Amino acid sequence: MLRQLELSDYQLWMCKKIKEKLAEKHDYINCASHYPNEFEEREVISIALSEMLMKLDVIDKKAN
């Protein structure tokens, strides 16, 4: 299910910064794009949310 969301200037800026950081890691290739600077905002948000979920899972495991 896809939803159309409008991103604020701050959210777009964060997406840009994430793309820049991913571009520094040459081994990071997404199946939808060849290079991080070609990622669409939707891809960047998916990556960021996945990373956050993984970090929260690690924190949860450490707490237990």
N, C-alpha and C. Protein backbone atom coordinates (compact mmCIF):
# COMPACT_ATOMS: atom_id res chain seq x y z
N MET A 1 0.85 -1.18 0.00
CA MET A 1 0.00 0.00 0.00
C MET A 1 0.89 1.24 0.00
N LEU A 2 0.72 2.07 -0.99
CA LEU A 2 1.49 3.30 -1.09
C LEU A 2 0.63 4.48 -0.67
N ARG A 3 1.27 5.38 0.06
CA ARG A 3 0.58 6.61 0.46
C ARG A 3 1.37 7.79 -0.06
N GLN A 4 0.68 8.80 -0.46
CA GLN A 4 1.33 10.01 -0.93
C GLN A 4 1.53 10.93 0.26
N LEU A 5 2.78 11.23 0.57
CA LEU A 5 3.09 12.11 1.69
C LEU A 5 3.85 13.33 1.19
N GLU A 6 3.60 14.44 1.81
CA GLU A 6 4.39 15.63 1.52
C GLU A 6 5.46 15.75 2.59
N LEU A 7 6.70 15.94 2.16
CA LEU A 7 7.79 16.07 3.10
C LEU A 7 8.09 17.55 3.34
N SER A 8 8.44 17.85 4.58
CA SER A 8 8.82 19.22 4.91
C SER A 8 10.22 19.50 4.36
N ASP A 9 10.60 20.75 4.35
CA ASP A 9 11.95 21.11 3.91
C ASP A 9 12.99 20.40 4.78
N TYR A 10 12.73 20.30 6.06
CA TYR A 10 13.66 19.64 6.98
C TYR A 10 13.78 18.15 6.64
N GLN A 11 12.66 17.50 6.35
CA GLN A 11 12.70 16.08 6.00
C GLN A 11 13.43 15.86 4.67
N LEU A 12 13.23 16.75 3.72
CA LEU A 12 13.96 16.66 2.46
C LEU A 12 15.45 16.87 2.67
N TRP A 13 15.81 17.80 3.56
CA TRP A 13 17.21 18.04 3.89
C TRP A 13 17.82 16.79 4.52
N MET A 14 17.08 16.14 5.44
CA MET A 14 17.59 14.91 6.05
C MET A 14 17.78 13.82 5.00
N CYS A 15 16.85 13.70 4.06
CA CYS A 15 17.00 12.72 2.98
C CYS A 15 18.27 13.00 2.18
N LYS A 16 18.51 14.27 1.91
CA LYS A 16 19.72 14.66 1.16
C LYS A 16 20.97 14.25 1.93
N LYS A 17 20.98 14.50 3.24
CA LYS A 17 22.14 14.16 4.07
C LYS A 17 22.35 12.64 4.11
N ILE A 18 21.26 11.88 4.20
CA ILE A 18 21.37 10.42 4.21
C ILE A 18 21.94 9.94 2.88
N LYS A 19 21.48 10.51 1.77
CA LYS A 19 22.02 10.14 0.46
C LYS A 19 23.51 10.40 0.40
N GLU A 20 23.94 11.56 0.95
CA GLU A 20 25.37 11.89 0.95
C GLU A 20 26.17 10.87 1.75
N LYS A 21 25.64 10.49 2.91
CA LYS A 21 26.34 9.50 3.75
C LYS A 21 26.39 8.15 3.06
N LEU A 22 25.30 7.73 2.42
CA LEU A 22 25.29 6.46 1.70
C LEU A 22 26.26 6.48 0.53
N ALA A 23 26.38 7.64 -0.13
CA ALA A 23 27.30 7.76 -1.26
C ALA A 23 28.74 7.58 -0.82
N GLU A 24 29.05 7.91 0.45
CA GLU A 24 30.40 7.71 0.97
C GLU A 24 30.73 6.23 1.10
N LYS A 25 29.70 5.39 1.25
CA LYS A 25 29.88 3.95 1.37
C LYS A 25 29.66 3.35 -0.01
N HIS A 26 30.74 3.13 -0.74
CA HIS A 26 30.65 2.68 -2.12
C HIS A 26 30.05 1.29 -2.27
N ASP A 27 30.04 0.50 -1.22
CA ASP A 27 29.52 -0.86 -1.32
C ASP A 27 28.00 -0.92 -1.13
N TYR A 28 27.36 0.20 -0.85
CA TYR A 28 25.91 0.21 -0.63
C TYR A 28 25.20 0.40 -1.95
N ILE A 29 24.59 -0.66 -2.44
CA ILE A 29 23.83 -0.61 -3.69
C ILE A 29 22.42 -1.10 -3.41
N ASN A 30 21.44 -0.35 -3.85
CA ASN A 30 20.04 -0.73 -3.68
C ASN A 30 19.54 -1.33 -4.99
N CYS A 31 18.65 -2.30 -4.91
CA CYS A 31 18.16 -2.96 -6.12
C CYS A 31 17.40 -1.99 -7.03
N ALA A 32 16.82 -0.95 -6.50
CA ALA A 32 16.05 -0.02 -7.32
C ALA A 32 16.92 1.05 -7.97
N SER A 33 18.11 1.27 -7.45
CA SER A 33 19.01 2.29 -7.97
C SER A 33 20.43 1.74 -7.99
N HIS A 34 21.23 2.29 -8.84
CA HIS A 34 22.61 1.84 -8.91
C HIS A 34 23.50 2.57 -7.90
N TYR A 35 23.22 3.82 -7.66
CA TYR A 35 24.06 4.61 -6.77
C TYR A 35 23.18 5.37 -5.78
N PRO A 36 23.68 5.55 -4.56
CA PRO A 36 22.85 6.24 -3.54
C PRO A 36 22.36 7.62 -3.96
N ASN A 37 23.14 8.37 -4.74
CA ASN A 37 22.67 9.70 -5.12
C ASN A 37 21.50 9.65 -6.09
N GLU A 38 21.18 8.44 -6.61
CA GLU A 38 20.01 8.28 -7.47
C GLU A 38 18.77 7.84 -6.69
N PHE A 39 18.92 7.58 -5.39
CA PHE A 39 17.80 7.12 -4.59
C PHE A 39 16.70 8.17 -4.57
N GLU A 40 15.48 7.71 -4.66
CA GLU A 40 14.33 8.59 -4.47
C GLU A 40 14.12 8.75 -2.97
N GLU A 41 13.37 9.79 -2.58
CA GLU A 41 13.12 10.02 -1.16
C GLU A 41 12.45 8.81 -0.52
N ARG A 42 11.55 8.14 -1.25
CA ARG A 42 10.87 6.95 -0.71
C ARG A 42 11.89 5.88 -0.32
N GLU A 43 12.92 5.68 -1.16
CA GLU A 43 13.95 4.68 -0.85
C GLU A 43 14.76 5.09 0.37
N VAL A 44 15.10 6.37 0.44
CA VAL A 44 15.88 6.87 1.58
C VAL A 44 15.10 6.69 2.87
N ILE A 45 13.82 7.01 2.85
CA ILE A 45 12.98 6.86 4.04
C ILE A 45 12.88 5.40 4.43
N SER A 46 12.74 4.50 3.46
CA SER A 46 12.69 3.06 3.76
C SER A 46 13.98 2.59 4.41
N ILE A 47 15.11 3.04 3.88
CA ILE A 47 16.40 2.67 4.46
C ILE A 47 16.51 3.18 5.89
N ALA A 48 16.15 4.45 6.09
CA ALA A 48 16.25 5.05 7.42
C ALA A 48 15.34 4.35 8.43
N LEU A 49 14.12 4.03 8.03
CA LEU A 49 13.21 3.34 8.94
C LEU A 49 13.70 1.93 9.24
N SER A 50 14.25 1.24 8.25
CA SER A 50 14.80 -0.10 8.48
C SER A 50 15.96 -0.05 9.46
N GLU A 51 16.84 0.93 9.28
CA GLU A 51 17.98 1.08 10.19
C GLU A 51 17.51 1.37 11.61
N MET A 52 16.52 2.23 11.75
CA MET A 52 15.99 2.56 13.07
C MET A 52 15.38 1.34 13.72
N LEU A 53 14.63 0.56 12.97
CA LEU A 53 14.02 -0.65 13.50
C LEU A 53 15.09 -1.64 13.97
N MET A 54 16.15 -1.78 13.19
CA MET A 54 17.25 -2.68 13.58
C MET A 54 17.92 -2.19 14.86
N LYS A 55 18.15 -0.88 14.95
CA LYS A 55 18.79 -0.33 16.16
C LYS A 55 17.90 -0.51 17.38
N LEU A 56 16.61 -0.31 17.22
CA LEU A 56 15.69 -0.50 18.34
C LEU A 56 15.66 -1.96 18.77
N ASP A 57 15.76 -2.87 17.82
CA ASP A 57 15.80 -4.30 18.12
C ASP A 57 17.05 -4.64 18.93
N VAL A 58 18.18 -4.06 18.55
CA VAL A 58 19.44 -4.29 19.29
C VAL A 58 19.32 -3.75 20.71
N ILE A 59 18.75 -2.56 20.85
CA ILE A 59 18.56 -1.97 22.18
C ILE A 59 17.65 -2.86 23.02
N ASP A 60 16.58 -3.36 22.41
CA ASP A 60 15.64 -4.23 23.12
C ASP A 60 16.33 -5.52 23.58
N LYS A 61 17.17 -6.09 22.74
CA LYS A 61 17.88 -7.32 23.11
C LYS A 61 18.86 -7.08 24.24
N LYS A 62 19.51 -5.91 24.25
CA LYS A 62 20.46 -5.58 25.32
C LYS A 62 19.73 -5.38 26.64
N ALA A 63 18.51 -4.87 26.58
CA ALA A 63 17.74 -4.62 27.80
C ALA A 63 17.25 -5.91 28.43
N ASN A 64 17.09 -6.93 27.63
CA ASN A 64 16.56 -8.21 28.15
C ASN A 64 17.65 -9.14 28.47
